[in-house]
């Protein structure tokens, strides 16, 4: 927090403070918001460890889902290629039977092809 922000909070009385006889202002901070001095860190926060464990589990699950989707996509590609390979054969057998895609003669009684 900047010095000007602290001064504004003191003016609004939203920050615990005390004026000394010599005109100084003492600001009281709780231990949770005070920055720790270098080398005084007491170790990892248990909440941090839980968050990291949850993150790791989420990553593991997402990797499994991604791998399953990749396998499914590979299978879909294989099936699509197999179907595309059969299309020329289907067209050839259709032409051999003599059935064109669109009839050219009108259907009797309808006047439409």
PDB file of N, CA and C in Angstrom:
ATOM      1  N   UNK A   1       0.863  -1.160   0.000  1.00  0.00           N
ATOM      2  CA  UNK A   1       0.000   0.000   0.000  1.00  0.00           C
ATOM      3  C   UNK A   1       0.912   1.225   0.000  1.00  0.00           C
ATOM      4  N   UNK A   2       0.564   2.226  -0.786  1.00  0.00           N
ATOM      5  CA  UNK A   2       1.400   3.412  -0.885  1.00  0.00           C
ATOM      6  C   UNK A   2       1.176   4.344   0.311  1.00  0.00           C
ATOM      7  N   UNK A   3       2.110   5.242   0.487  1.00  0.00           N
ATOM      8  CA  UNK A   3       2.030   6.198   1.599  1.00  0.00           C
ATOM      9  C   UNK A   3       0.777   7.060   1.479  1.00  0.00           C
ATOM     10  N   UNK A   4       0.452   7.496   0.265  1.00  0.00           N
ATOM     11  CA  UNK A   4      -0.728   8.342   0.087  1.00  0.00           C
ATOM     12  C   UNK A   4      -2.008   7.566   0.398  1.00  0.00           C
ATOM     13  N   UNK A   5      -2.050   6.289   0.076  1.00  0.00           N
ATOM     14  CA  UNK A   5      -3.227   5.478   0.387  1.00  0.00           C
ATOM     15  C   UNK A   5      -3.384   5.332   1.896  1.00  0.00           C
ATOM     16  N   UNK A   6      -2.268   5.155   2.579  1.00  0.00           N
ATOM     17  CA  UNK A   6      -2.326   5.057   4.039  1.00  0.00           C
ATOM     18  C   UNK A   6      -2.807   6.363   4.638  1.00  0.00           C
ATOM     19  N   UNK A   7      -2.289   7.493   4.155  1.00  0.00           N
ATOM     20  CA  UNK A   7      -2.727   8.808   4.668  1.00  0.00           C
ATOM     21  C   UNK A   7      -4.237   9.006   4.459  1.00  0.00           C
ATOM     22  N   UNK A   8      -4.748   8.610   3.300  1.00  0.00           N
ATOM     23  CA  UNK A   8      -6.181   8.754   3.026  1.00  0.00           C
ATOM     24  C   UNK A   8      -7.008   7.878   3.963  1.00  0.00           C
ATOM     25  N   UNK A   9      -6.547   6.658   4.211  1.00  0.00           N
ATOM     26  CA  UNK A   9      -7.280   5.768   5.120  1.00  0.00           C
ATOM     27  C   UNK A   9      -7.249   6.289   6.548  1.00  0.00           C
ATOM     28  N   UNK A  10      -6.143   6.900   6.950  1.00  0.00           N
ATOM     29  CA  UNK A  10      -6.078   7.511   8.284  1.00  0.00           C
ATOM     30  C   UNK A  10      -7.074   8.658   8.365  1.00  0.00           C
ATOM     31  N   UNK A  11      -7.125   9.484   7.327  1.00  0.00           N
ATOM     32  CA  UNK A  11      -8.047  10.632   7.297  1.00  0.00           C
ATOM     33  C   UNK A  11      -9.501  10.171   7.373  1.00  0.00           C
ATOM     34  N   UNK A  12      -9.826   9.050   6.700  1.00  0.00           N
ATOM     35  CA  UNK A  12     -11.199   8.525   6.721  1.00  0.00           C
ATOM     36  C   UNK A  12     -11.461   7.672   7.955  1.00  0.00           C
ATOM     37  N   UNK A  13     -10.456   7.461   8.778  1.00  0.00           N
ATOM     38  CA  UNK A  13     -10.539   6.626   9.984  1.00  0.00           C
ATOM     39  C   UNK A  13     -10.889   5.173   9.670  1.00  0.00           C
ATOM     40  N   UNK A  14     -10.357   4.680   8.565  1.00  0.00           N
ATOM     41  CA  UNK A  14     -10.588   3.282   8.221  1.00  0.00           C
ATOM     42  C   UNK A  14      -9.355   2.436   8.509  1.00  0.00           C
ATOM     43  N   UNK A  15      -8.338   3.033   9.126  1.00  0.00           N
ATOM     44  CA  UNK A  15      -7.112   2.334   9.467  1.00  0.00           C
ATOM     45  C   UNK A  15      -6.779   2.666  10.919  1.00  0.00           C
ATOM     46  N   UNK A  16      -6.520   1.642  11.722  1.00  0.00           N
ATOM     47  CA  UNK A  16      -6.170   1.884  13.123  1.00  0.00           C
ATOM     48  C   UNK A  16      -4.867   2.670  13.193  1.00  0.00           C
ATOM     49  N   UNK A  17      -4.906   3.762  13.942  1.00  0.00           N
ATOM     50  CA  UNK A  17      -3.716   4.606  14.064  1.00  0.00           C
ATOM     51  C   UNK A  17      -3.760   5.364  15.393  1.00  0.00           C
ATOM     52  N   UNK A  18      -2.633   5.973  15.713  1.00  0.00           N
ATOM     53  CA  UNK A  18      -2.529   6.752  16.950  1.00  0.00           C
ATOM     54  C   UNK A  18      -1.536   7.882  16.703  1.00  0.00           C
ATOM     55  N   UNK A  19      -1.888   9.080  17.155  1.00  0.00           N
ATOM     56  CA  UNK A  19      -0.966  10.217  17.035  1.00  0.00           C
ATOM     57  C   UNK A  19      -0.164  10.337  18.320  1.00  0.00           C
ATOM     58  N   UNK A  20       1.154  10.496  18.165  1.00  0.00           N
ATOM     59  CA  UNK A  20       2.017  10.655  19.327  1.00  0.00           C
ATOM     60  C   UNK A  20       2.116  12.133  19.689  1.00  0.00           C
ATOM     61  N   UNK A  21       2.713  12.432  20.838  1.00  0.00           N
ATOM     62  CA  UNK A  21       2.849  13.824  21.302  1.00  0.00           C
ATOM     63  C   UNK A  21       3.733  14.641  20.370  1.00  0.00           C
ATOM     64  N   UNK A  22       4.684  14.006  19.739  1.00  0.00           N
ATOM     65  CA  UNK A  22       5.584  14.749  18.848  1.00  0.00           C
ATOM     66  C   UNK A  22       5.029  14.888  17.424  1.00  0.00           C
ATOM     67  N   UNK A  23       3.748  14.457  17.181  1.00  0.00           N
ATOM     68  CA  UNK A  23       3.095  14.655  15.894  1.00  0.00           C
ATOM     69  C   UNK A  23       3.208  13.486  14.932  1.00  0.00           C
ATOM     70  N   UNK A  24       3.890  12.470  15.350  1.00  0.00           N
ATOM     71  CA  UNK A  24       3.992  11.289  14.497  1.00  0.00           C
ATOM     72  C   UNK A  24       2.699  10.481  14.549  1.00  0.00           C
ATOM     73  N   UNK A  25       2.484   9.713  13.507  1.00  0.00           N
ATOM     74  CA  UNK A  25       1.308   8.856  13.449  1.00  0.00           C
ATOM     75  C   UNK A  25       1.783   7.413  13.418  1.00  0.00           C
ATOM     76  N   UNK A  26       1.285   6.634  14.352  1.00  0.00           N
ATOM     77  CA  UNK A  26       1.595   5.209  14.395  1.00  0.00           C
ATOM     78  C   UNK A  26       0.416   4.452  13.801  1.00  0.00           C
ATOM     79  N   UNK A  27       0.702   3.566  12.878  1.00  0.00           N
ATOM     80  CA  UNK A  27      -0.332   2.775  12.216  1.00  0.00           C
ATOM     81  C   UNK A  27      -0.188   1.346  12.694  1.00  0.00           C
ATOM     82  N   UNK A  28      -1.294   0.745  13.107  1.00  0.00           N
ATOM     83  CA  UNK A  28      -1.286  -0.626  13.602  1.00  0.00           C
ATOM     84  C   UNK A  28      -1.733  -1.567  12.487  1.00  0.00           C
ATOM     85  N   UNK A  29      -0.926  -2.563  12.289  1.00  0.00           N
ATOM     86  CA  UNK A  29      -1.234  -3.572  11.275  1.00  0.00           C
ATOM     87  C   UNK A  29      -1.434  -4.909  11.957  1.00  0.00           C
ATOM     88  N   UNK A  30      -2.327  -5.728  11.405  1.00  0.00           N
ATOM     89  CA  UNK A  30      -2.435  -7.079  11.943  1.00  0.00           C
ATOM     90  C   UNK A  30      -1.326  -7.927  11.327  1.00  0.00           C
ATOM     91  N   UNK A  31      -1.005  -9.020  11.949  1.00  0.00           N
ATOM     92  CA  UNK A  31       0.117  -9.849  11.504  1.00  0.00           C
ATOM     93  C   UNK A  31      -0.118 -10.444  10.118  1.00  0.00           C
ATOM     94  N   UNK A  32      -1.371 -10.700   9.773  1.00  0.00           N
ATOM     95  CA  UNK A  32      -1.668 -11.322   8.478  1.00  0.00           C
ATOM     96  C   UNK A  32      -1.373 -10.381   7.323  1.00  0.00           C
ATOM     97  N   UNK A  33      -1.568  -9.075   7.507  1.00  0.00           N
ATOM     98  CA  UNK A  33      -1.355  -8.149   6.405  1.00  0.00           C
ATOM     99  C   UNK A  33       0.051  -7.579   6.381  1.00  0.00           C
ATOM    100  N   UNK A  34       0.826  -7.784   7.446  1.00  0.00           N
ATOM    101  CA  UNK A  34       2.181  -7.247   7.490  1.00  0.00           C
ATOM    102  C   UNK A  34       3.092  -8.093   6.615  1.00  0.00           C
ATOM    103  N   UNK A  35       3.943  -7.430   5.829  1.00  0.00           N
ATOM    104  CA  UNK A  35       4.880  -8.208   5.021  1.00  0.00           C
ATOM    105  C   UNK A  35       5.914  -8.858   5.922  1.00  0.00           C
ATOM    106  N   UNK A  36       6.294 -10.098   5.571  1.00  0.00           N
ATOM    107  CA  UNK A  36       7.278 -10.787   6.405  1.00  0.00           C
ATOM    108  C   UNK A  36       8.671 -10.331   6.026  1.00  0.00           C
ATOM    109  N   UNK A  37       9.517 -10.280   7.012  1.00  0.00           N
ATOM    110  CA  UNK A  37      10.903  -9.901   6.777  1.00  0.00           C
ATOM    111  C   UNK A  37      11.602 -11.041   6.061  1.00  0.00           C
ATOM    112  N   UNK A  38      12.603 -10.726   5.251  1.00  0.00           N
ATOM    113  CA  UNK A  38      13.314 -11.795   4.540  1.00  0.00           C
ATOM    114  C   UNK A  38      13.915 -12.790   5.520  1.00  0.00           C
ATOM    115  N   UNK A  39      13.766 -14.065   5.216  1.00  0.00           N
ATOM    116  CA  UNK A  39      14.328 -15.108   6.050  1.00  0.00           C
ATOM    117  C   UNK A  39      13.457 -15.511   7.223  1.00  0.00           C
ATOM    118  N   UNK A  40      12.264 -14.898   7.367  1.00  0.00           N
ATOM    119  CA  UNK A  40      11.400 -15.244   8.498  1.00  0.00           C
ATOM    120  C   UNK A  40      10.196 -16.057   8.065  1.00  0.00           C
ATOM    121  N   UNK A  41      10.204 -16.529   6.865  1.00  0.00           N
ATOM    122  CA  UNK A  41       9.093 -17.330   6.370  1.00  0.00           C
ATOM    123  C   UNK A  41       9.020 -18.626   7.174  1.00  0.00           C
ATOM    124  N   UNK A  42       7.831 -18.948   7.679  1.00  0.00           N
ATOM    125  CA  UNK A  42       7.689 -20.116   8.550  1.00  0.00           C
ATOM    126  C   UNK A  42       7.314 -21.374   7.783  1.00  0.00           C
ATOM    127  N   UNK A  43       7.305 -21.320   6.471  1.00  0.00           N
ATOM    128  CA  UNK A  43       7.015 -22.512   5.682  1.00  0.00           C
ATOM    129  C   UNK A  43       5.805 -22.320   4.792  1.00  0.00           C
ATOM    130  N   UNK A  44       5.508 -23.336   3.984  1.00  0.00           N
ATOM    131  CA  UNK A  44       4.377 -23.221   3.058  1.00  0.00           C
ATOM    132  C   UNK A  44       3.049 -23.218   3.795  1.00  0.00           C
ATOM    133  N   UNK A  45       2.143 -22.476   3.249  1.00  0.00           N
ATOM    134  CA  UNK A  45       0.803 -22.379   3.790  1.00  0.00           C
ATOM    135  C   UNK A  45       0.058 -23.675   3.465  1.00  0.00           C
ATOM    136  N   UNK A  46      -0.621 -24.283   4.447  1.00  0.00           N
ATOM    137  CA  UNK A  46      -1.349 -25.531   4.148  1.00  0.00           C
ATOM    138  C   UNK A  46      -2.408 -25.340   3.064  1.00  0.00           C
ATOM    139  N   UNK A  47      -2.996 -24.152   2.999  1.00  0.00           N
ATOM    140  CA  UNK A  47      -3.982 -23.897   1.942  1.00  0.00           C
ATOM    141  C   UNK A  47      -3.316 -23.909   0.580  1.00  0.00           C
ATOM    142  N   UNK A  48      -2.095 -23.413   0.523  1.00  0.00           N
ATOM    143  CA  UNK A  48      -1.359 -23.414  -0.735  1.00  0.00           C
ATOM    144  C   UNK A  48      -1.098 -24.848  -1.185  1.00  0.00           C
ATOM    145  N   UNK A  49      -0.726 -25.699  -0.250  1.00  0.00           N
ATOM    146  CA  UNK A  49      -0.472 -27.103  -0.602  1.00  0.00           C
ATOM    147  C   UNK A  49      -1.741 -27.779  -1.104  1.00  0.00           C
ATOM    148  N   UNK A  50      -2.876 -27.472  -0.485  1.00  0.00           N
ATOM    149  CA  UNK A  50      -4.148 -28.058  -0.931  1.00  0.00           C
ATOM    150  C   UNK A  50      -4.508 -27.562  -2.322  1.00  0.00           C
ATOM    151  N   UNK A  51      -4.271 -26.276  -2.571  1.00  0.00           N
ATOM    152  CA  UNK A  51      -4.568 -25.719  -3.896  1.00  0.00           C
ATOM    153  C   UNK A  51      -3.675 -26.344  -4.960  1.00  0.00           C
ATOM    154  N   UNK A  52      -2.409 -26.528  -4.641  1.00  0.00           N
ATOM    155  CA  UNK A  52      -1.490 -27.143  -5.601  1.00  0.00           C
ATOM    156  C   UNK A  52      -1.889 -28.589  -5.866  1.00  0.00           C
ATOM    157  N   UNK A  53      -2.289 -29.311  -4.826  1.00  0.00           N
ATOM    158  CA  UNK A  53      -2.734 -30.695  -5.012  1.00  0.00           C
ATOM    159  C   UNK A  53      -3.983 -30.752  -5.880  1.00  0.00           C
ATOM    160  N   UNK A  54      -4.925 -29.830  -5.657  1.00  0.00           N
ATOM    161  CA  UNK A  54      -6.150 -29.785  -6.469  1.00  0.00           C
ATOM    162  C   UNK A  54      -5.817 -29.433  -7.913  1.00  0.00           C
ATOM    163  N   UNK A  55      -4.886 -28.518  -8.107  1.00  0.00           N
ATOM    164  CA  UNK A  55      -4.464 -28.137  -9.461  1.00  0.00           C
ATOM    165  C   UNK A  55      -3.834 -29.325 -10.167  1.00  0.00           C
ATOM    166  N   UNK A  56      -2.969 -30.037  -9.466  1.00  0.00           N
ATOM    167  CA  UNK A  56      -2.319 -31.206 -10.061  1.00  0.00           C
ATOM    168  C   UNK A  56      -3.337 -32.279 -10.440  1.00  0.00           C
ATOM    169  N   UNK A  57      -4.328 -32.488  -9.590  1.00  0.00           N
ATOM    170  CA  UNK A  57      -5.382 -33.475  -9.888  1.00  0.00           C
ATOM    171  C   UNK A  57      -6.187 -33.044 -11.105  1.00  0.00           C
ATOM    172  N   UNK A  58      -6.511 -31.755 -11.189  1.00  0.00           N
ATOM    173  CA  UNK A  58      -7.262 -31.237 -12.339  1.00  0.00           C
ATOM    174  C   UNK A  58      -6.463 -31.417 -13.620  1.00  0.00           C
ATOM    175  N   UNK A  59      -5.178 -31.127 -13.561  1.00  0.00           N
ATOM    176  CA  UNK A  59      -4.327 -31.304 -14.736  1.00  0.00           C
ATOM    177  C   UNK A  59      -4.289 -32.778 -15.154  1.00  0.00           C
ATOM    178  N   UNK A  60      -4.190 -33.682 -14.182  1.00  0.00           N
ATOM    179  CA  UNK A  60      -4.163 -35.120 -14.486  1.00  0.00           C
ATOM    180  C   UNK A  60      -5.460 -35.545 -15.184  1.00  0.00           C
ATOM    181  N   UNK A  61      -6.599 -35.074 -14.668  1.00  0.00           N
ATOM    182  CA  UNK A  61      -7.897 -35.416 -15.263  1.00  0.00           C
ATOM    183  C   UNK A  61      -8.003 -34.849 -16.674  1.00  0.00           C
ATOM    184  N   UNK A  62      -7.596 -33.605 -16.851  1.00  0.00           N
ATOM    185  CA  UNK A  62      -7.680 -32.985 -18.176  1.00  0.00           C
ATOM    186  C   UNK A  62      -6.765 -33.669 -19.183  1.00  0.00           C
ATOM    187  N   UNK A  63      -5.606 -34.128 -18.741  1.00  0.00           N
ATOM    188  CA  UNK A  63      -4.717 -34.860 -19.650  1.00  0.00           C
ATOM    189  C   UNK A  63      -5.358 -36.171 -20.098  1.00  0.00           C
ATOM    190  N   UNK A  64      -6.013 -36.865 -19.157  1.00  0.00           N
ATOM    191  CA  UNK A  64      -6.695 -38.114 -19.519  1.00  0.00           C
ATOM    192  C   UNK A  64      -7.818 -37.839 -20.516  1.00  0.00           C
ATOM    193  N   UNK A  65      -8.589 -36.760 -20.278  1.00  0.00           N
ATOM    194  CA  UNK A  65      -9.676 -36.420 -21.199  1.00  0.00           C
ATOM    195  C   UNK A  65      -9.127 -36.059 -22.574  1.00  0.00           C
ATOM    196  N   UNK A  66      -8.035 -35.309 -22.607  1.00  0.00           N
ATOM    197  CA  UNK A  66      -7.431 -34.929 -23.886  1.00  0.00           C
ATOM    198  C   UNK A  66      -6.964 -36.165 -24.651  1.00  0.00           C
ATOM    199  N   UNK A  67      -6.350 -37.088 -23.955  1.00  0.00           N
ATOM    200  CA  UNK A  67      -5.882 -38.312 -24.613  1.00  0.00           C
ATOM    201  C   UNK A  67      -7.061 -39.117 -25.161  1.00  0.00           C
ATOM    202  N   UNK A  68      -8.159 -39.207 -24.401  1.00  0.00           N
ATOM    203  CA  UNK A  68      -9.351 -39.921 -24.877  1.00  0.00           C
ATOM    204  C   UNK A  68      -9.935 -39.225 -26.110  1.00  0.00           C
ATOM    205  N   UNK A  69      -9.967 -37.906 -26.113  1.00  0.00           N
ATOM    206  CA  UNK A  69     -10.484 -37.165 -27.270  1.00  0.00           C
ATOM    207  C   UNK A  69      -9.587 -37.353 -28.486  1.00  0.00           C
ATOM    208  N   UNK A  70      -8.289 -37.407 -28.262  1.00  0.00           N
ATOM    209  CA  UNK A  70      -7.369 -37.637 -29.384  1.00  0.00           C
ATOM    210  C   UNK A  70      -7.589 -39.017 -29.994  1.00  0.00           C
ATOM    211  N   UNK A  71      -7.778 -40.027 -29.134  1.00  0.00           N
ATOM    212  CA  UNK A  71      -8.042 -41.378 -29.651  1.00  0.00           C
ATOM    213  C   UNK A  71      -9.352 -41.393 -30.439  1.00  0.00           C
ATOM    214  N   UNK A  72     -10.394 -40.742 -29.916  1.00  0.00           N
ATOM    215  CA  UNK A  72     -11.683 -40.702 -30.609  1.00  0.00           C
ATOM    216  C   UNK A  72     -11.549 -39.963 -31.942  1.00  0.00           C
ATOM    217  N   UNK A  73     -10.778 -38.893 -31.965  1.00  0.00           N
ATOM    218  CA  UNK A  73     -10.580 -38.136 -33.202  1.00  0.00           C
ATOM    219  C   UNK A  73      -9.828 -38.977 -34.226  1.00  0.00           C
ATOM    220  N   UNK A  74      -8.828 -39.722 -33.779  1.00  0.00           N
ATOM    221  CA  UNK A  74      -8.107 -40.619 -34.697  1.00  0.00           C
ATOM    222  C   UNK A  74      -9.051 -41.668 -35.291  1.00  0.00           C
ATOM    223  N   UNK A  75      -9.936 -42.236 -34.458  1.00  0.00           N
ATOM    224  CA  UNK A  75     -10.897 -43.231 -34.941  1.00  0.00           C
ATOM    225  C   UNK A  75     -11.865 -42.605 -35.950  1.00  0.00           C
ATOM    226  N   UNK A  76     -12.329 -41.381 -35.668  1.00  0.00           N
ATOM    227  CA  UNK A  76     -13.235 -40.689 -36.601  1.00  0.00           C
ATOM    228  C   UNK A  76     -12.549 -40.432 -37.935  1.00  0.00           C
ATOM    229  N   UNK A  77     -11.288 -40.037 -37.898  1.00  0.00           N
ATOM    230  CA  UNK A  77     -10.549 -39.827 -39.147  1.00  0.00           C
ATOM    231  C   UNK A  77     -10.428 -41.130 -39.931  1.00  0.00           C
ATOM    232  N   UNK A  78     -10.132 -42.218 -39.217  1.00  0.00           N
ATOM    233  CA  UNK A  78      -9.992 -43.517 -39.877  1.00  0.00           C
ATOM    234  C   UNK A  78     -11.302 -43.909 -40.552  1.00  0.00           C
ATOM    235  N   UNK A  79     -12.422 -43.733 -39.838  1.00  0.00           N
ATOM    236  CA  UNK A  79     -13.729 -44.078 -40.413  1.00  0.00           C
ATOM    237  C   UNK A  79     -14.073 -43.186 -41.600  1.00  0.00           C
ATOM    238  N   UNK A  80     -13.740 -41.908 -41.514  1.00  0.00           N
ATOM    239  CA  UNK A  80     -14.027 -40.981 -42.615  1.00  0.00           C
ATOM    240  C   UNK A  80     -13.211 -41.358 -43.850  1.00  0.00           C
ATOM    241  N   UNK A  81     -11.950 -41.664 -43.662  1.00  0.00           N
ATOM    242  CA  UNK A  81     -11.130 -42.073 -44.802  1.00  0.00           C
ATOM    243  C   UNK A  81     -11.650 -43.365 -45.429  1.00  0.00           C
ATOM    244  N   UNK A  82     -12.079 -44.311 -44.604  1.00  0.00           N
ATOM    245  CA  UNK A  82     -12.630 -45.560 -45.131  1.00  0.00           C
ATOM    246  C   UNK A  82     -13.899 -45.277 -45.934  1.00  0.00           C
ATOM    247  N   UNK A  83     -14.752 -44.392 -45.441  1.00  0.00           N
ATOM    248  CA  UNK A  83     -15.979 -44.051 -46.165  1.00  0.00           C
ATOM    249  C   UNK A  83     -15.663 -43.334 -47.468  1.00  0.00           C
ATOM    250  N   UNK A  84     -14.699 -42.450 -47.446  1.00  0.00           N
ATOM    251  CA  UNK A  84     -14.333 -41.721 -48.668  1.00  0.00           C
ATOM    252  C   UNK A  84     -13.722 -42.657 -49.702  1.00  0.00           C
ATOM    253  N   UNK A  85     -13.011 -43.672 -49.249  1.00  0.00           N
ATOM    254  CA  UNK A  85     -12.453 -44.650 -50.186  1.00  0.00           C
ATOM    255  C   UNK A  85     -13.553 -45.458 -50.871  1.00  0.00           C
ATOM    256  N   UNK A  86     -14.692 -45.642 -50.205  1.00  0.00           N
ATOM    257  CA  UNK A  86     -15.791 -46.433 -50.773  1.00  0.00           C
ATOM    258  C   UNK A  86     -16.650 -45.622 -51.739  1.00  0.00           C
ATOM    259  N   UNK A  87     -16.616 -44.300 -51.670  1.00  0.00           N
ATOM    260  CA  UNK A  87     -17.480 -43.467 -52.518  1.00  0.00           C
ATOM    261  C   UNK A  87     -17.261 -43.736 -54.002  1.00  0.00           C
ATOM    262  N   UNK A  88     -16.040 -43.750 -54.543  1.00  0.00           N
ATOM    263  CA  UNK A  88     -15.877 -44.049 -55.975  1.00  0.00           C
ATOM    264  C   UNK A  88     -16.438 -45.423 -56.346  1.00  0.00           C
ATOM    265  N   UNK A  89     -16.303 -46.387 -55.477  1.00  0.00           N
ATOM    266  CA  UNK A  89     -16.838 -47.718 -55.773  1.00  0.00           C
ATOM    267  C   UNK A  89     -18.360 -47.683 -55.802  1.00  0.00           C
ATOM    268  N   UNK A  90     -18.978 -46.936 -54.926  1.00  0.00           N
ATOM    269  CA  UNK A  90     -20.440 -46.820 -54.922  1.00  0.00           C
ATOM    270  C   UNK A  90     -20.936 -46.120 -56.179  1.00  0.00           C
ATOM    271  N   UNK A  91     -20.237 -45.075 -56.608  1.00  0.00           N
ATOM    272  CA  UNK A  91     -20.635 -44.369 -57.824  1.00  0.00           C
ATOM    273  C   UNK A  91     -20.509 -45.279 -59.041  1.00  0.00           C
ATOM    274  N   UNK A  92     -19.444 -46.071 -59.079  1.00  0.00           N
ATOM    275  CA  UNK A  92     -19.233 -46.969 -60.217  1.00  0.00           C
ATOM    276  C   UNK A  92     -20.312 -48.043 -60.263  1.00  0.00           C
ATOM    277  N   UNK A  93     -20.690 -48.603 -59.131  1.00  0.00           N
ATOM    278  CA  UNK A  93     -21.714 -49.640 -59.135  1.00  0.00           C
ATOM    279  C   UNK A  93     -23.070 -49.045 -59.478  1.00  0.00           C
ATOM    280  N   UNK A  94     -23.300 -47.801 -59.113  1.00  0.00           N
ATOM    281  CA  UNK A  94     -24.554 -47.126 -59.447  1.00  0.00           C
ATOM    282  C   UNK A  94     -24.653 -46.918 -60.959  1.00  0.00           C
ATOM    283  N   UNK A  95     -23.567 -46.536 -61.582  1.00  0.00           N
ATOM    284  CA  UNK A  95     -23.557 -46.325 -63.030  1.00  0.00           C
ATOM    285  C   UNK A  95     -23.703 -47.646 -63.775  1.00  0.00           C
ATOM    286  N   UNK A  96     -23.140 -48.718 -63.236  1.00  0.00           N
ATOM    287  CA  UNK A  96     -23.256 -50.031 -63.880  1.00  0.00           C
ATOM    288  C   UNK A  96     -24.699 -50.498 -63.894  1.00  0.00           C
ATOM    289  N   UNK A  97     -25.454 -50.170 -62.854  1.00  0.00           N
ATOM    290  CA  UNK A  97     -26.852 -50.582 -62.783  1.00  0.00           C
ATOM    291  C   UNK A  97     -27.727 -49.707 -63.680  1.00  0.00           C
ATOM    292  N   UNK A  98     -27.171 -48.595 -64.167  1.00  0.00           N
ATOM    293  CA  UNK A  98     -27.919 -47.740 -65.066  1.00  0.00           C
ATOM    294  C   UNK A  98     -28.909 -46.845 -64.364  1.00  0.00           C
ATOM    295  N   UNK A  99     -28.678 -46.517 -63.117  1.00  0.00           N
ATOM    296  CA  UNK A  99     -29.590 -45.613 -62.423  1.00  0.00           C
ATOM    297  C   UNK A  99     -28.902 -44.268 -62.216  1.00  0.00           C
ATOM    298  N   UNK A 100     -29.218 -43.312 -63.083  1.00  0.00           N
ATOM    299  CA  UNK A 100     -28.609 -41.984 -62.923  1.00  0.00           C
ATOM    300  C   UNK A 100     -29.144 -41.311 -61.664  1.00  0.00           C
ATOM    301  N   UNK A 101     -28.430 -40.278 -61.248  1.00  0.00           N
ATOM    302  CA  UNK A 101     -28.835 -39.571 -60.017  1.00  0.00           C
ATOM    303  C   UNK A 101     -30.193 -38.907 -60.171  1.00  0.00           C
ATOM    304  N   UNK A 102     -30.442 -38.224 -61.313  1.00  0.00           N
ATOM    305  CA  UNK A 102     -31.719 -37.552 -61.521  1.00  0.00           C
ATOM    306  C   UNK A 102     -32.379 -38.120 -62.770  1.00  0.00           C
ATOM    307  N   UNK A 103     -33.643 -38.534 -62.670  1.00  0.00           N
ATOM    308  CA  UNK A 103     -34.316 -39.075 -63.861  1.00  0.00           C
ATOM    309  C   UNK A 103     -34.563 -37.964 -64.870  1.00  0.00           C
ATOM    310  N   UNK A 104     -34.452 -38.327 -66.152  1.00  0.00           N
ATOM    311  CA  UNK A 104     -34.650 -37.332 -67.207  1.00  0.00           C
ATOM    312  C   UNK A 104     -36.044 -37.436 -67.806  1.00  0.00           C
ATOM    313  N   UNK A 105     -36.715 -38.564 -67.629  1.00  0.00           N
ATOM    314  CA  UNK A 105     -38.062 -38.727 -68.164  1.00  0.00           C
ATOM    315  C   UNK A 105     -39.079 -38.328 -67.107  1.00  0.00           C
ATOM    316  N   UNK A 106     -40.190 -37.685 -67.527  1.00  0.00           N
ATOM    317  CA  UNK A 106     -41.194 -37.300 -66.556  1.00  0.00           C
ATOM    318  C   UNK A 106     -41.899 -38.526 -65.985  1.00  0.00           C
ATOM    319  N   UNK A 107     -42.269 -38.424 -64.729  1.00  0.00           N
ATOM    320  CA  UNK A 107     -43.002 -39.498 -64.077  1.00  0.00           C
ATOM    321  C   UNK A 107     -44.441 -39.403 -64.570  1.00  0.00           C
ATOM    322  N   UNK A 108     -45.034 -40.530 -65.032  1.00  0.00           N
ATOM    323  CA  UNK A 108     -46.390 -40.476 -65.600  1.00  0.00           C
ATOM    324  C   UNK A 108     -47.398 -39.963 -64.585  1.00  0.00           C
ATOM    325  N   UNK A 109     -48.242 -39.037 -65.033  1.00  0.00           N
ATOM    326  CA  UNK A 109     -49.312 -38.503 -64.213  1.00  0.00           C
ATOM    327  C   UNK A 109     -48.929 -37.322 -63.347  1.00  0.00           C
ATOM    328  N   UNK A 110     -47.639 -36.984 -63.297  1.00  0.00           N
ATOM    329  CA  UNK A 110     -47.236 -35.853 -62.451  1.00  0.00           C
ATOM    330  C   UNK A 110     -46.729 -34.690 -63.263  1.00  0.00           C
ATOM    331  N   UNK A 111     -46.189 -34.967 -64.407  1.00  0.00           N
ATOM    332  CA  UNK A 111     -45.609 -33.896 -65.221  1.00  0.00           C
ATOM    333  C   UNK A 111     -44.254 -33.456 -64.707  1.00  0.00           C
ATOM    334  N   UNK A 112     -43.729 -34.156 -63.715  1.00  0.00           N
ATOM    335  CA  UNK A 112     -42.421 -33.802 -63.163  1.00  0.00           C
ATOM    336  C   UNK A 112     -41.432 -34.913 -63.424  1.00  0.00           C
ATOM    337  N   UNK A 113     -40.175 -34.572 -63.575  1.00  0.00           N
ATOM    338  CA  UNK A 113     -39.161 -35.609 -63.795  1.00  0.00           C
ATOM    339  C   UNK A 113     -38.937 -36.447 -62.569  1.00  0.00           C
TER     340      UNK A 113
END
